[in-house]
C-alpha atoms as a PDB file:
ATOM      1  CA  MET A   1      78.350 196.282 -15.171  1.00  0.00           C
ATOM      2  CA  LEU A   2      76.725 194.299 -17.962  1.00  0.00           C
ATOM      3  CA  LEU A   3      78.864 194.222 -21.100  1.00  0.00           C
ATOM      4  CA  ASN A   4      76.657 191.887 -23.121  1.00  0.00           C
ATOM      5  CA  GLY A   5      72.912 192.309 -22.991  1.00  0.00           C
ATOM      6  CA  PRO A   6      69.813 193.547 -24.780  1.00  0.00           C
ATOM      7  CA  LEU A   7      71.339 196.984 -25.494  1.00  0.00           C
ATOM      8  CA  GLY A   8      74.447 195.640 -27.219  1.00  0.00           C
ATOM      9  CA  ASP A   9      77.479 193.394 -27.234  1.00  0.00           C
ATOM     10  CA  PHE A  10      80.470 195.382 -25.999  1.00  0.00           C
ATOM     11  CA  GLY A  11      82.943 192.527 -25.671  1.00  0.00           C
ATOM     12  CA  THR A  12      84.879 191.703 -22.536  1.00  0.00           C
ATOM     13  CA  TYR A  13      86.517 193.802 -19.828  1.00  0.00           C
ATOM     14  CA  LYS A  14      89.815 193.179 -21.575  1.00  0.00           C
ATOM     15  CA  ASP A  15      88.402 194.758 -24.752  1.00  0.00           C
ATOM     16  CA  LEU A  16      87.475 197.958 -22.881  1.00  0.00           C
ATOM     17  CA  ILE A  17      90.836 198.564 -21.180  1.00  0.00           C
ATOM     18  CA  HIS A  18      93.676 200.313 -23.013  1.00  0.00           C
ATOM     19  CA  GLY A  19      96.320 197.795 -23.999  1.00  0.00           C
ATOM     20  CA  ASN A  20      94.054 194.885 -22.978  1.00  0.00           C
ATOM     21  CA  GLN A  21      95.613 194.908 -19.508  1.00  0.00           C
ATOM     22  CA  THR A  22      92.967 193.539 -17.146  1.00  0.00           C
ATOM     23  CA  LYS A  23      94.930 194.662 -14.063  1.00  0.00           C
ATOM     24  CA  LYS A  24      94.057 198.266 -14.905  1.00  0.00           C
ATOM     25  CA  HIS A  25      90.889 199.787 -13.485  1.00  0.00           C
ATOM     26  CA  LEU A  26      88.049 201.317 -15.483  1.00  0.00           C
ATOM     27  CA  LYS A  27      86.558 204.638 -14.383  1.00  0.00           C
ATOM     28  CA  ILE A  28      83.233 205.933 -15.680  1.00  0.00           C
ATOM     29  CA  SER A  29      81.979 209.391 -14.762  1.00  0.00           C
ATOM     30  CA  PHE A  30      78.691 211.031 -15.681  1.00  0.00           C
ATOM     31  CA  SER A  31      76.428 213.871 -14.561  1.00  0.00           C
ATOM     32  CA  ILE A  32      72.692 214.302 -14.316  1.00  0.00           C
ATOM     33  CA  VAL A  33      70.501 217.359 -13.883  1.00  0.00           C
ATOM     34  CA  PRO A  34      67.656 216.674 -11.423  1.00  0.00           C
ATOM     35  CA  SER A  35      64.084 217.460 -12.404  1.00  0.00           C
ATOM     36  CA  ASN A  36      61.989 220.138 -10.690  1.00  0.00           C
ATOM     37  CA  THR A  37      60.297 217.352  -8.678  1.00  0.00           C
ATOM     38  CA  TYR A  38      63.642 216.485  -7.076  1.00  0.00           C
ATOM     39  CA  ARG A  39      64.220 220.104  -6.116  1.00  0.00           C
ATOM     40  CA  TYR A  40      60.706 220.339  -4.684  1.00  0.00           C
ATOM     41  CA  PHE A  41      61.588 217.804  -1.969  1.00  0.00           C
ATOM     42  CA  GLY A  42      64.293 220.028  -0.527  1.00  0.00           C
ATOM     43  CA  ALA A  43      67.303 219.029  -2.602  1.00  0.00           C
ATOM     44  CA  ASP A  44      68.758 222.082  -4.293  1.00  0.00           C
ATOM     45  CA  ALA A  45      71.549 220.483  -6.325  1.00  0.00           C
ATOM     46  CA  THR A  46      71.488 221.547  -9.971  1.00  0.00           C
ATOM     47  CA  ASN A  47      74.084 219.038 -11.116  1.00  0.00           C
ATOM     48  CA  ILE A  48      74.914 215.613  -9.640  1.00  0.00           C
ATOM     49  CA  GLN A  49      78.143 213.855 -10.670  1.00  0.00           C
ATOM     50  CA  PHE A  50      78.804 210.127 -10.296  1.00  0.00           C
ATOM     51  CA  SER A  51      82.235 208.482 -10.550  1.00  0.00           C
ATOM     52  CA  LEU A  52      82.275 204.690 -10.745  1.00  0.00           C
ATOM     53  CA  GLY A  53      85.486 202.674 -10.482  1.00  0.00           C
ATOM     54  CA  TYR A  54      85.439 199.097 -11.796  1.00  0.00           C
ATOM     55  CA  LYS A  55      87.949 196.299 -11.357  1.00  0.00           C
ATOM     56  CA  TYR A  56      88.259 192.877 -12.967  1.00  0.00           C
ATOM     57  CA  ARG A  57      88.780 189.882 -10.679  1.00  0.00           C
ATOM     58  CA  SER A  58      90.480 187.319 -12.885  1.00  0.00           C
ATOM     59  CA  ALA A  59      90.187 184.442 -10.398  1.00  0.00           C
ATOM     60  CA  LEU A  60      86.381 184.718 -10.397  1.00  0.00           C
ATOM     61  CA  LYS A  61      86.141 186.164 -13.928  1.00  0.00           C
ATOM     62  CA  GLU A  62      83.878 188.971 -12.793  1.00  0.00           C
ATOM     63  CA  VAL A  63      83.749 192.743 -12.971  1.00  0.00           C
ATOM     64  CA  ILE A  64      83.100 194.459  -9.644  1.00  0.00           C
ATOM     65  CA  LEU A  65      82.243 198.005  -8.677  1.00  0.00           C
ATOM     66  CA  LYS A  66      85.296 198.994  -6.648  1.00  0.00           C
ATOM     67  CA  SER A  67      84.375 202.578  -5.758  1.00  0.00           C
ATOM     68  CA  LEU A  68      81.537 205.078  -5.975  1.00  0.00           C
ATOM     69  CA  ILE A  69      81.813 208.845  -5.485  1.00  0.00           C
ATOM     70  CA  VAL A  70      78.809 211.191  -5.613  1.00  0.00           C
ATOM     71  CA  ARG A  71      79.101 214.986  -5.785  1.00  0.00           C
ATOM     72  CA  GLY A  72      76.491 217.678  -6.172  1.00  0.00           C
ATOM     73  CA  ASP A  73      77.335 221.163  -7.416  1.00  0.00           C
ATOM     74  CA  GLY A  74      81.016 220.526  -6.693  1.00  0.00           C
ATOM     75  CA  GLN A  75      80.426 219.448  -3.082  1.00  0.00           C
ATOM     76  CA  HIS A  76      81.134 215.946  -1.862  1.00  0.00           C
ATOM     77  CA  HIS A  77      78.112 213.842  -0.828  1.00  0.00           C
ATOM     78  CA  LEU A  78      79.206 210.192  -0.670  1.00  0.00           C
ATOM     79  CA  THR A  79      82.202 207.872  -1.064  1.00  0.00           C
ATOM     80  CA  ALA A  80      81.778 204.095  -0.896  1.00  0.00           C
ATOM     81  CA  GLU A  81      84.413 201.419  -1.498  1.00  0.00           C
ATOM     82  CA  PHE A  82      84.238 197.662  -1.978  1.00  0.00           C
ATOM     83  CA  ASN A  83      86.341 195.563   0.413  1.00  0.00           C
ATOM     84  CA  GLU A  84      87.346 192.309  -1.292  1.00  0.00           C
ATOM     85  CA  GLU A  85      88.211 190.505   1.955  1.00  0.00           C
ATOM     86  CA  SER A  86      84.775 190.978   3.506  1.00  0.00           C
ATOM     87  CA  GLU A  87      82.846 191.159   0.198  1.00  0.00           C
ATOM     88  CA  ARG A  88      81.091 194.290   1.492  1.00  0.00           C
ATOM     89  CA  PHE A  89      80.654 197.886   0.471  1.00  0.00           C
ATOM     90  CA  PHE A  90      81.768 200.362   3.112  1.00  0.00           C
ATOM     91  CA  ILE A  91      80.646 203.956   3.195  1.00  0.00           C
ATOM     92  CA  ARG A  92      83.870 205.879   3.739  1.00  0.00           C
ATOM     93  CA  LYS A  93      82.613 209.435   3.648  1.00  0.00           C
ATOM     94  CA  VAL A  94      79.211 211.126   3.805  1.00  0.00           C
ATOM     95  CA  GLY A  95      79.147 214.874   3.261  1.00  0.00           C
ATOM     96  CA  ASN A  96      81.959 216.325   5.354  1.00  0.00           C
ATOM     97  CA  THR A  97      82.307 213.295   7.665  1.00  0.00           C
ATOM     98  CA  GLN A  98      84.745 210.396   7.292  1.00  0.00           C
ATOM     99  CA  ASN A  99      84.805 206.729   8.362  1.00  0.00           C
ATOM    100  CA  CYS A 100      81.056 206.514   8.743  1.00  0.00           C
ATOM    101  CA  LYS A 101      79.867 203.509  10.771  1.00  0.00           C
ATOM    102  CA  HIS A 102      76.880 202.889   8.485  1.00  0.00           C
ATOM    103  CA  ARG A 103      77.669 199.789   6.454  1.00  0.00           C
ATOM    104  CA  ASN A 104      75.691 197.913   3.857  1.00  0.00           C
ATOM    105  CA  LYS A 105      76.390 194.356   2.740  1.00  0.00           C
ATOM    106  CA  PHE A 106      75.456 193.470  -0.812  1.00  0.00           C
ATOM    107  CA  ASP A 107      74.178 189.940  -1.212  1.00  0.00           C
ATOM    108  CA  ASN A 108      74.922 187.877  -4.317  1.00  0.00           C
ATOM    109  CA  SER A 109      71.866 189.141  -6.202  1.00  0.00           C
ATOM    110  CA  GLU A 110      72.990 192.753  -5.892  1.00  0.00           C
ATOM    111  CA  ARG A 111      76.635 192.268  -6.731  1.00  0.00           C
ATOM    112  CA  PHE A 112      77.980 194.126  -9.795  1.00  0.00           C
END
């Protein structure tokens, strides 16, 4: 998450959190409606919801994406969580399955 950039200066993580308590997490949720092109390729979702959970790591002074949940038309599609010990994102749930073995490691250039 970029708080200061070409689109604006939004302050620090502390400024965003109620009561300026950096130990609290920030959750951002939004929805998109796919175009007809998306539906053409076999995806029939009419509404896709994203929930992003952010956390501030005070020792490293960085904001990290702690969790990601994706739903389409009210059905679960994906849950991924960041593990601070391994510095990796783990896919916890895909569709109706849990504890998926597919794992993806973000390198430093892709870290949020």
